[in-house]
Amino acid sequence: MAISDEQLDQYRVEGIKVRVVRDILQINDVRGIVVAWDDDYVLIRRPNRRVVKLRRSYAIGPASEPRQAPVLDGAPFELEDVGEPDDAND
């Protein structure tokens, strides 16, 4: 589900720093200010002043809020607990 135009406009007008969650790795998140958008993409200005063009289908929310789980294939992605390693493999 893509973020609404109204929500993006609120982030832009109020200058709210956003976080774009692209995958399971937090290091790959993009943080910055919403600059512009169209039906498919959003432009985010990062703190180093570079502009990044990202799909609106990514999870976008305020950077001040806790990180959202990324959405893959229409469902939130969750890590699977595989338990402890087998002793036989040591």
PDB file of N, CA and C in Angstrom:
ATOM      1  N   MET A   1       0.842  -1.181   0.000  1.00  0.00           N
ATOM      2  CA  MET A   1       0.000   0.000   0.000  1.00  0.00           C
ATOM      3  C   MET A   1       0.886   1.243   0.000  1.00  0.00           C
ATOM      4  N   ALA A   2       0.732   2.060  -0.994  1.00  0.00           N
ATOM      5  CA  ALA A   2       1.529   3.278  -1.109  1.00  0.00           C
ATOM      6  C   ALA A   2       0.987   4.346  -0.157  1.00  0.00           C
ATOM      7  N   ILE A   3       1.865   5.203   0.287  1.00  0.00           N
ATOM      8  CA  ILE A   3       1.495   6.297   1.180  1.00  0.00           C
ATOM      9  C   ILE A   3       0.660   7.315   0.408  1.00  0.00           C
ATOM     10  N   SER A   4      -0.283   7.960   1.074  1.00  0.00           N
ATOM     11  CA  SER A   4      -1.200   8.885   0.405  1.00  0.00           C
ATOM     12  C   SER A   4      -0.520  10.218   0.083  1.00  0.00           C
ATOM     13  N   ASP A   5      -1.077  10.913  -0.908  1.00  0.00           N
ATOM     14  CA  ASP A   5      -0.582  12.238  -1.276  1.00  0.00           C
ATOM     15  C   ASP A   5      -0.716  13.209  -0.105  1.00  0.00           C
ATOM     16  N   GLU A   6      -1.815  13.099   0.637  1.00  0.00           N
ATOM     17  CA  GLU A   6      -2.056  13.991   1.768  1.00  0.00           C
ATOM     18  C   GLU A   6      -0.987  13.820   2.849  1.00  0.00           C
ATOM     19  N   GLN A   7      -0.611  12.573   3.122  1.00  0.00           N
ATOM     20  CA  GLN A   7       0.404  12.310   4.139  1.00  0.00           C
ATOM     21  C   GLN A   7       1.764  12.835   3.685  1.00  0.00           C
ATOM     22  N   LEU A   8       2.114  12.601   2.419  1.00  0.00           N
ATOM     23  CA  LEU A   8       3.378  13.122   1.888  1.00  0.00           C
ATOM     24  C   LEU A   8       3.405  14.645   1.931  1.00  0.00           C
ATOM     25  N   ASP A   9       2.267  15.278   1.599  1.00  0.00           N
ATOM     26  CA  ASP A   9       2.197  16.735   1.629  1.00  0.00           C
ATOM     27  C   ASP A   9       2.373  17.258   3.052  1.00  0.00           C
ATOM     28  N   GLN A  10       1.796  16.567   4.028  1.00  0.00           N
ATOM     29  CA  GLN A  10       1.962  16.965   5.426  1.00  0.00           C
ATOM     30  C   GLN A  10       3.432  16.885   5.834  1.00  0.00           C
ATOM     31  N   TYR A  11       4.098  15.793   5.477  1.00  0.00           N
ATOM     32  CA  TYR A  11       5.522  15.652   5.790  1.00  0.00           C
ATOM     33  C   TYR A  11       6.342  16.765   5.136  1.00  0.00           C
ATOM     34  N   ARG A  12       6.018  17.106   3.880  1.00  0.00           N
ATOM     35  CA  ARG A  12       6.765  18.136   3.147  1.00  0.00           C
ATOM     36  C   ARG A  12       6.543  19.519   3.755  1.00  0.00           C
ATOM     37  N   VAL A  13       5.286  19.886   3.974  1.00  0.00           N
ATOM     38  CA  VAL A  13       4.954  21.219   4.475  1.00  0.00           C
ATOM     39  C   VAL A  13       5.513  21.446   5.877  1.00  0.00           C
ATOM     40  N   GLU A  14       5.402  20.435   6.732  1.00  0.00           N
ATOM     41  CA  GLU A  14       5.864  20.569   8.116  1.00  0.00           C
ATOM     42  C   GLU A  14       7.358  20.293   8.269  1.00  0.00           C
ATOM     43  N   GLY A  15       8.014  19.831   7.196  1.00  0.00           N
ATOM     44  CA  GLY A  15       9.450  19.562   7.248  1.00  0.00           C
ATOM     45  C   GLY A  15       9.806  18.392   8.143  1.00  0.00           C
ATOM     46  N   ILE A  16       8.914  17.407   8.221  1.00  0.00           N
ATOM     47  CA  ILE A  16       9.131  16.242   9.080  1.00  0.00           C
ATOM     48  C   ILE A  16      10.147  15.313   8.427  1.00  0.00           C
ATOM     49  N   LYS A  17      11.187  14.939   9.179  1.00  0.00           N
ATOM     50  CA  LYS A  17      12.183  13.991   8.682  1.00  0.00           C
ATOM     51  C   LYS A  17      11.543  12.604   8.657  1.00  0.00           C
ATOM     52  N   VAL A  18      11.646  11.921   7.512  1.00  0.00           N
ATOM     53  CA  VAL A  18      11.027  10.607   7.347  1.00  0.00           C
ATOM     54  C   VAL A  18      12.082   9.517   7.233  1.00  0.00           C
ATOM     55  N   ARG A  19      11.632   8.288   7.448  1.00  0.00           N
ATOM     56  CA  ARG A  19      12.466   7.101   7.270  1.00  0.00           C
ATOM     57  C   ARG A  19      11.768   6.231   6.226  1.00  0.00           C
ATOM     58  N   VAL A  20      12.520   5.800   5.207  1.00  0.00           N
ATOM     59  CA  VAL A  20      12.005   4.890   4.184  1.00  0.00           C
ATOM     60  C   VAL A  20      12.664   3.535   4.420  1.00  0.00           C
ATOM     61  N   VAL A  21      11.831   2.535   4.739  1.00  0.00           N
ATOM     62  CA  VAL A  21      12.324   1.186   5.017  1.00  0.00           C
ATOM     63  C   VAL A  21      12.249   0.394   3.720  1.00  0.00           C
ATOM     64  N   ARG A  22      13.418   0.023   3.188  1.00  0.00           N
ATOM     65  CA  ARG A  22      13.469  -0.678   1.906  1.00  0.00           C
ATOM     66  C   ARG A  22      13.576  -2.184   2.044  1.00  0.00           C
ATOM     67  N   ASP A  23      14.213  -2.658   3.105  1.00  0.00           N
ATOM     68  CA  ASP A  23      14.367  -4.098   3.304  1.00  0.00           C
ATOM     69  C   ASP A  23      14.580  -4.376   4.781  1.00  0.00           C
ATOM     70  N   ILE A  24      14.933  -5.597   5.103  1.00  0.00           N
ATOM     71  CA  ILE A  24      15.071  -6.031   6.491  1.00  0.00           C
ATOM     72  C   ILE A  24      16.247  -5.369   7.205  1.00  0.00           C
ATOM     73  N   LEU A  25      17.274  -4.932   6.469  1.00  0.00           N
ATOM     74  CA  LEU A  25      18.469  -4.341   7.073  1.00  0.00           C
ATOM     75  C   LEU A  25      18.258  -2.857   7.373  1.00  0.00           C
ATOM     76  N   GLN A  26      18.380  -2.504   8.635  1.00  0.00           N
ATOM     77  CA  GLN A  26      18.167  -1.122   9.056  1.00  0.00           C
ATOM     78  C   GLN A  26      19.194  -0.174   8.441  1.00  0.00           C
ATOM     79  N   ILE A  27      20.375  -0.661   8.152  1.00  0.00           N
ATOM     80  CA  ILE A  27      21.422   0.184   7.568  1.00  0.00           C
ATOM     81  C   ILE A  27      21.028   0.677   6.167  1.00  0.00           C
ATOM     82  N   ASN A  28      20.101  -0.006   5.503  1.00  0.00           N
ATOM     83  CA  ASN A  28      19.659   0.386   4.164  1.00  0.00           C
ATOM     84  C   ASN A  28      18.502   1.385   4.178  1.00  0.00           C
ATOM     85  N   ASP A  29      18.035   1.771   5.362  1.00  0.00           N
ATOM     86  CA  ASP A  29      16.962   2.761   5.448  1.00  0.00           C
ATOM     87  C   ASP A  29      17.456   4.104   4.916  1.00  0.00           C
ATOM     88  N   VAL A  30      16.543   4.861   4.319  1.00  0.00           N
ATOM     89  CA  VAL A  30      16.857   6.204   3.834  1.00  0.00           C
ATOM     90  C   VAL A  30      16.126   7.195   4.728  1.00  0.00           C
ATOM     91  N   ARG A  31      16.861   8.159   5.286  1.00  0.00           N
ATOM     92  CA  ARG A  31      16.270   9.188   6.128  1.00  0.00           C
ATOM     93  C   ARG A  31      16.454  10.535   5.454  1.00  0.00           C
ATOM     94  N   GLY A  32      15.419  11.374   5.544  1.00  0.00           N
ATOM     95  CA  GLY A  32      15.516  12.695   4.955  1.00  0.00           C
ATOM     96  C   GLY A  32      14.175  13.393   4.912  1.00  0.00           C
ATOM     97  N   ILE A  33      14.112  14.444   4.115  1.00  0.00           N
ATOM     98  CA  ILE A  33      12.932  15.291   3.991  1.00  0.00           C
ATOM     99  C   ILE A  33      12.265  15.025   2.641  1.00  0.00           C
ATOM    100  N   VAL A  34      10.927  14.942   2.636  1.00  0.00           N
ATOM    101  CA  VAL A  34      10.176  14.751   1.391  1.00  0.00           C
ATOM    102  C   VAL A  34      10.281  16.026   0.560  1.00  0.00           C
ATOM    103  N   VAL A  35      10.682  15.866  -0.710  1.00  0.00           N
ATOM    104  CA  VAL A  35      10.837  17.003  -1.613  1.00  0.00           C
ATOM    105  C   VAL A  35       9.700  17.044  -2.628  1.00  0.00           C
ATOM    106  N   ALA A  36       9.416  15.919  -3.269  1.00  0.00           N
ATOM    107  CA  ALA A  36       8.391  15.854  -4.308  1.00  0.00           C
ATOM    108  C   ALA A  36       7.968  14.406  -4.496  1.00  0.00           C
ATOM    109  N   TRP A  37       6.872  14.189  -5.245  1.00  0.00           N
ATOM    110  CA  TRP A  37       6.405  12.836  -5.512  1.00  0.00           C
ATOM    111  C   TRP A  37       5.475  12.845  -6.714  1.00  0.00           C
ATOM    112  N   ASP A  38       5.283  11.659  -7.280  1.00  0.00           N
ATOM    113  CA  ASP A  38       4.273  11.441  -8.312  1.00  0.00           C
ATOM    114  C   ASP A  38       3.530  10.164  -7.942  1.00  0.00           C
ATOM    115  N   ASP A  39       2.833   9.556  -8.893  1.00  0.00           N
ATOM    116  CA  ASP A  39       2.029   8.369  -8.580  1.00  0.00           C
ATOM    117  C   ASP A  39       2.864   7.173  -8.154  1.00  0.00           C
ATOM    118  N   ASP A  40       4.103   7.073  -8.627  1.00  0.00           N
ATOM    119  CA  ASP A  40       4.923   5.888  -8.371  1.00  0.00           C
ATOM    120  C   ASP A  40       6.141   6.128  -7.482  1.00  0.00           C
ATOM    121  N   TYR A  41       6.661   7.349  -7.462  1.00  0.00           N
ATOM    122  CA  TYR A  41       7.934   7.613  -6.785  1.00  0.00           C
ATOM    123  C   TYR A  41       7.837   8.797  -5.826  1.00  0.00           C
ATOM    124  N   VAL A  42       8.780   8.844  -4.892  1.00  0.00           N
ATOM    125  CA  VAL A  42       8.926   9.969  -3.971  1.00  0.00           C
ATOM    126  C   VAL A  42      10.400  10.378  -3.967  1.00  0.00           C
ATOM    127  N   LEU A  43      10.658  11.680  -3.904  1.00  0.00           N
ATOM    128  CA  LEU A  43      12.023  12.193  -3.822  1.00  0.00           C
ATOM    129  C   LEU A  43      12.304  12.596  -2.381  1.00  0.00           C
ATOM    130  N   ILE A  44      13.396  12.068  -1.826  1.00  0.00           N
ATOM    131  CA  ILE A  44      13.802  12.347  -0.453  1.00  0.00           C
ATOM    132  C   ILE A  44      15.161  13.039  -0.488  1.00  0.00           C
ATOM    133  N   ARG A  45      15.269  14.193   0.201  1.00  0.00           N
ATOM    134  CA  ARG A  45      16.566  14.879   0.319  1.00  0.00           C
ATOM    135  C   ARG A  45      17.228  14.403   1.597  1.00  0.00           C
ATOM    136  N   ARG A  46      18.361  13.724   1.425  1.00  0.00           N
ATOM    137  CA  ARG A  46      19.108  13.187   2.563  1.00  0.00           C
ATOM    138  C   ARG A  46      19.880  14.304   3.264  1.00  0.00           C
ATOM    139  N   PRO A  47      20.381  14.045   4.495  1.00  0.00           N
ATOM    140  CA  PRO A  47      21.135  15.078   5.219  1.00  0.00           C
ATOM    141  C   PRO A  47      22.368  15.591   4.464  1.00  0.00           C
ATOM    142  N   ASN A  48      22.950  14.767   3.586  1.00  0.00           N
ATOM    143  CA  ASN A  48      24.116  15.217   2.813  1.00  0.00           C
ATOM    144  C   ASN A  48      23.706  15.986   1.553  1.00  0.00           C
ATOM    145  N   ARG A  49      22.432  16.345   1.462  1.00  0.00           N
ATOM    146  CA  ARG A  49      21.825  17.133   0.382  1.00  0.00           C
ATOM    147  C   ARG A  49      21.660  16.386  -0.929  1.00  0.00           C
ATOM    148  N   ARG A  50      21.983  15.122  -0.953  1.00  0.00           N
ATOM    149  CA  ARG A  50      21.715  14.324  -2.155  1.00  0.00           C
ATOM    150  C   ARG A  50      20.240  13.942  -2.165  1.00  0.00           C
ATOM    151  N   VAL A  51      19.673  13.864  -3.358  1.00  0.00           N
ATOM    152  CA  VAL A  51      18.262  13.514  -3.506  1.00  0.00           C
ATOM    153  C   VAL A  51      18.169  12.080  -4.003  1.00  0.00           C
ATOM    154  N   VAL A  52      17.277  11.307  -3.381  1.00  0.00           N
ATOM    155  CA  VAL A  52      17.101   9.901  -3.713  1.00  0.00           C
ATOM    156  C   VAL A  52      15.676   9.702  -4.220  1.00  0.00           C
ATOM    157  N   LYS A  53      15.533   8.987  -5.336  1.00  0.00           N
ATOM    158  CA  LYS A  53      14.226   8.673  -5.903  1.00  0.00           C
ATOM    159  C   LYS A  53      13.871   7.244  -5.504  1.00  0.00           C
ATOM    160  N   LEU A  54      12.763   7.089  -4.752  1.00  0.00           N
ATOM    161  CA  LEU A  54      12.359   5.782  -4.223  1.00  0.00           C
ATOM    162  C   LEU A  54      10.911   5.486  -4.575  1.00  0.00           C
ATOM    163  N   ARG A  55      10.590   4.203  -4.648  1.00  0.00           N
ATOM    164  CA  ARG A  55       9.213   3.792  -4.903  1.00  0.00           C
ATOM    165  C   ARG A  55       8.326   4.131  -3.706  1.00  0.00           C
ATOM    166  N   ARG A  56       7.110   4.540  -3.981  1.00  0.00           N
ATOM    167  CA  ARG A  56       6.168   4.855  -2.906  1.00  0.00           C
ATOM    168  C   ARG A  56       5.647   3.609  -2.210  1.00  0.00           C
ATOM    169  N   SER A  57       5.912   2.446  -2.763  1.00  0.00           N
ATOM    170  CA  SER A  57       5.442   1.203  -2.146  1.00  0.00           C
ATOM    171  C   SER A  57       6.250   0.840  -0.904  1.00  0.00           C
ATOM    172  N   TYR A  58       7.421   1.463  -0.705  1.00  0.00           N
ATOM    173  CA  TYR A  58       8.207   1.225   0.504  1.00  0.00           C
ATOM    174  C   TYR A  58       7.484   1.807   1.713  1.00  0.00           C
ATOM    175  N   ALA A  59       7.792   1.286   2.899  1.00  0.00           N
ATOM    176  CA  ALA A  59       7.218   1.806   4.143  1.00  0.00           C
ATOM    177  C   ALA A  59       7.853   3.164   4.435  1.00  0.00           C
ATOM    178  N   ILE A  60       7.021   4.213   4.488  1.00  0.00           N
ATOM    179  CA  ILE A  60       7.489   5.573   4.747  1.00  0.00           C
ATOM    180  C   ILE A  60       6.783   6.091   5.990  1.00  0.00           C
ATOM    181  N   GLY A  61       7.564   6.597   6.935  1.00  0.00           N
ATOM    182  CA  GLY A  61       6.993   7.141   8.159  1.00  0.00           C
ATOM    183  C   GLY A  61       7.961   8.105   8.810  1.00  0.00           C
ATOM    184  N   PRO A  62       7.499   8.812   9.840  1.00  0.00           N
ATOM    185  CA  PRO A  62       8.388   9.749  10.536  1.00  0.00           C
ATOM    186  C   PRO A  62       9.603   9.032  11.115  1.00  0.00           C
ATOM    187  N   ALA A  63      10.765   9.647  11.009  1.00  0.00           N
ATOM    188  CA  ALA A  63      11.997   9.051  11.528  1.00  0.00           C
ATOM    189  C   ALA A  63      11.991   9.000  13.050  1.00  0.00           C
ATOM    190  N   SER A  64      11.159   9.833  13.681  1.00  0.00           N
ATOM    191  CA  SER A  64      11.098   9.868  15.142  1.00  0.00           C
ATOM    192  C   SER A  64      10.330   8.683  15.727  1.00  0.00           C
ATOM    193  N   GLU A  65       9.548   7.987  14.897  1.00  0.00           N
ATOM    194  CA  GLU A  65       8.776   6.832  15.360  1.00  0.00           C
ATOM    195  C   GLU A  65       9.604   5.555  15.208  1.00  0.00           C
ATOM    196  N   PRO A  66       9.218   4.487  15.923  1.00  0.00           N
ATOM    197  CA  PRO A  66       9.941   3.210  15.782  1.00  0.00           C
ATOM    198  C   PRO A  66       9.903   2.715  14.336  1.00  0.00           C
ATOM    199  N   ARG A  67      10.924   1.986  13.960  1.00  0.00           N
ATOM    200  CA  ARG A  67      11.061   1.457  12.598  1.00  0.00           C
ATOM    201  C   ARG A  67       9.939   0.474  12.283  1.00  0.00           C
ATOM    202  N   GLN A  68       9.335   0.634  11.101  1.00  0.00           N
ATOM    203  CA  GLN A  68       8.288  -0.273  10.643  1.00  0.00           C
ATOM    204  C   GLN A  68       8.928  -1.484   9.981  1.00  0.00           C
ATOM    205  N   ALA A  69       8.232  -2.619  10.044  1.00  0.00           N
ATOM    206  CA  ALA A  69       8.707  -3.809   9.336  1.00  0.00           C
ATOM    207  C   ALA A  69       8.498  -3.594   7.839  1.00  0.00           C
ATOM    208  N   PRO A  70       9.469  -3.982   7.011  1.00  0.00           N
ATOM    209  CA  PRO A  70       9.292  -3.826   5.565  1.00  0.00           C
ATOM    210  C   PRO A  70       8.177  -4.726   5.052  1.00  0.00           C
ATOM    211  N   VAL A  71       7.528  -4.299   3.979  1.00  0.00           N
ATOM    212  CA  VAL A  71       6.449  -5.066   3.373  1.00  0.00           C
ATOM    213  C   VAL A  71       6.986  -5.727   2.115  1.00  0.00           C
ATOM    214  N   LEU A  72       6.951  -7.064   2.077  1.00  0.00           N
ATOM    215  CA  LEU A  72       7.406  -7.826   0.919  1.00  0.00           C
ATOM    216  C   LEU A  72       6.265  -8.685   0.407  1.00  0.00           C
ATOM    217  N   ASP A  73       5.971  -8.591  -0.873  1.00  0.00           N
ATOM    218  CA  ASP A  73       4.895  -9.358  -1.503  1.00  0.00           C
ATOM    219  C   ASP A  73       3.557  -9.140  -0.808  1.00  0.00           C
ATOM    220  N   GLY A  74       3.292  -7.905  -0.374  1.00  0.00           N
ATOM    221  CA  GLY A  74       2.005  -7.573   0.214  1.00  0.00           C
ATOM    222  C   GLY A  74       1.837  -7.936   1.672  1.00  0.00           C
ATOM    223  N   ALA A  75       2.837  -8.545   2.298  1.00  0.00           N
ATOM    224  CA  ALA A  75       2.736  -8.927   3.706  1.00  0.00           C
ATOM    225  C   ALA A  75       3.981  -8.451   4.448  1.00  0.00           C
ATOM    226  N   PRO A  76       3.821  -8.024   5.716  1.00  0.00           N
ATOM    227  CA  PRO A  76       5.003  -7.606   6.480  1.00  0.00           C
ATOM    228  C   PRO A  76       6.010  -8.735   6.605  1.00  0.00           C
ATOM    229  N   PHE A  77       7.284  -8.402   6.480  1.00  0.00           N
ATOM    230  CA  PHE A  77       8.353  -9.394   6.573  1.00  0.00           C
ATOM    231  C   PHE A  77       8.747  -9.564   8.028  1.00  0.00           C
ATOM    232  N   GLU A  78       8.826 -10.792   8.474  1.00  0.00           N
ATOM    233  CA  GLU A  78       9.246 -11.075   9.839  1.00  0.00           C
ATOM    234  C   GLU A  78      10.333 -12.129   9.804  1.00  0.00           C
ATOM    235  N   LEU A  79      11.319 -11.966  10.689  1.00  0.00           N
ATOM    236  CA  LEU A  79      12.374 -12.961  10.792  1.00  0.00           C
ATOM    237  C   LEU A  79      11.836 -14.214  11.456  1.00  0.00           C
ATOM    238  N   GLU A  80      12.280 -15.348  10.988  1.00  0.00           N
ATOM    239  CA  GLU A  80      11.865 -16.627  11.550  1.00  0.00           C
ATOM    240  C   GLU A  80      12.885 -17.070  12.589  1.00  0.00           C
ATOM    241  N   ASP A  81      12.396 -17.489  13.762  1.00  0.00           N
ATOM    242  CA  ASP A  81      13.286 -17.987  14.809  1.00  0.00           C
ATOM    243  C   ASP A  81      13.600 -19.441  14.490  1.00  0.00           C
ATOM    244  N   VAL A  82      14.856 -19.718  14.182  1.00  0.00           N
ATOM    245  CA  VAL A  82      15.248 -21.082  13.815  1.00  0.00           C
ATOM    246  C   VAL A  82      15.806 -21.850  15.001  1.00  0.00           C
ATOM    247  N   GLY A  83      15.855 -21.232  16.159  1.00  0.00           N
ATOM    248  CA  GLY A  83      16.316 -21.926  17.354  1.00  0.00           C
ATOM    249  C   GLY A  83      17.825 -21.973  17.458  1.00  0.00           C
ATOM    250  N   GLU A  84      18.291 -22.827  18.333  1.00  0.00           N
ATOM    251  CA  GLU A  84      19.723 -22.981  18.584  1.00  0.00           C
ATOM    252  C   GLU A  84      20.341 -23.944  17.573  1.00  0.00           C
ATOM    253  N   PRO A  85      21.627 -23.789  17.267  1.00  0.00           N
ATOM    254  CA  PRO A  85      22.282 -24.730  16.350  1.00  0.00           C
ATOM    255  C   PRO A  85      22.374 -26.119  16.976  1.00  0.00           C
ATOM    256  N   ASP A  86      22.373 -27.130  16.119  1.00  0.00           N
ATOM    257  CA  ASP A  86      22.486 -28.515  16.591  1.00  0.00           C
ATOM    258  C   ASP A  86      23.880 -28.767  17.143  1.00  0.00           C
ATOM    259  N   ASP A  87      23.957 -29.573  18.211  1.00  0.00           N
ATOM    260  CA  ASP A  87      25.254 -29.943  18.781  1.00  0.00           C
ATOM    261  C   ASP A  87      26.015 -30.886  17.853  1.00  0.00           C
ATOM    262  N   ALA A  88      25.296 -31.639  17.018  1.00  0.00           N
ATOM    263  CA  ALA A  88      25.930 -32.611  16.130  1.00  0.00           C
ATOM    264  C   ALA A  88      26.793 -31.929  15.071  1.00  0.00           C
ATOM    265  N   ASN A  89      26.508 -30.673  14.769  1.00  0.00           N
ATOM    266  CA  ASN A  89      27.255 -29.958  13.737  1.00  0.00           C
ATOM    267  C   ASN A  89      28.531 -29.320  14.259  1.00  0.00           C
ATOM    268  N   ASP A  90      28.804 -29.405  15.536  1.00  0.00           N
ATOM    269  CA  ASP A  90      29.993 -28.754  16.118  1.00  0.00           C
ATOM    270  C   ASP A  90      31.260 -29.475  15.823  1.00  0.00           C
TER     271      ASP A  90
END
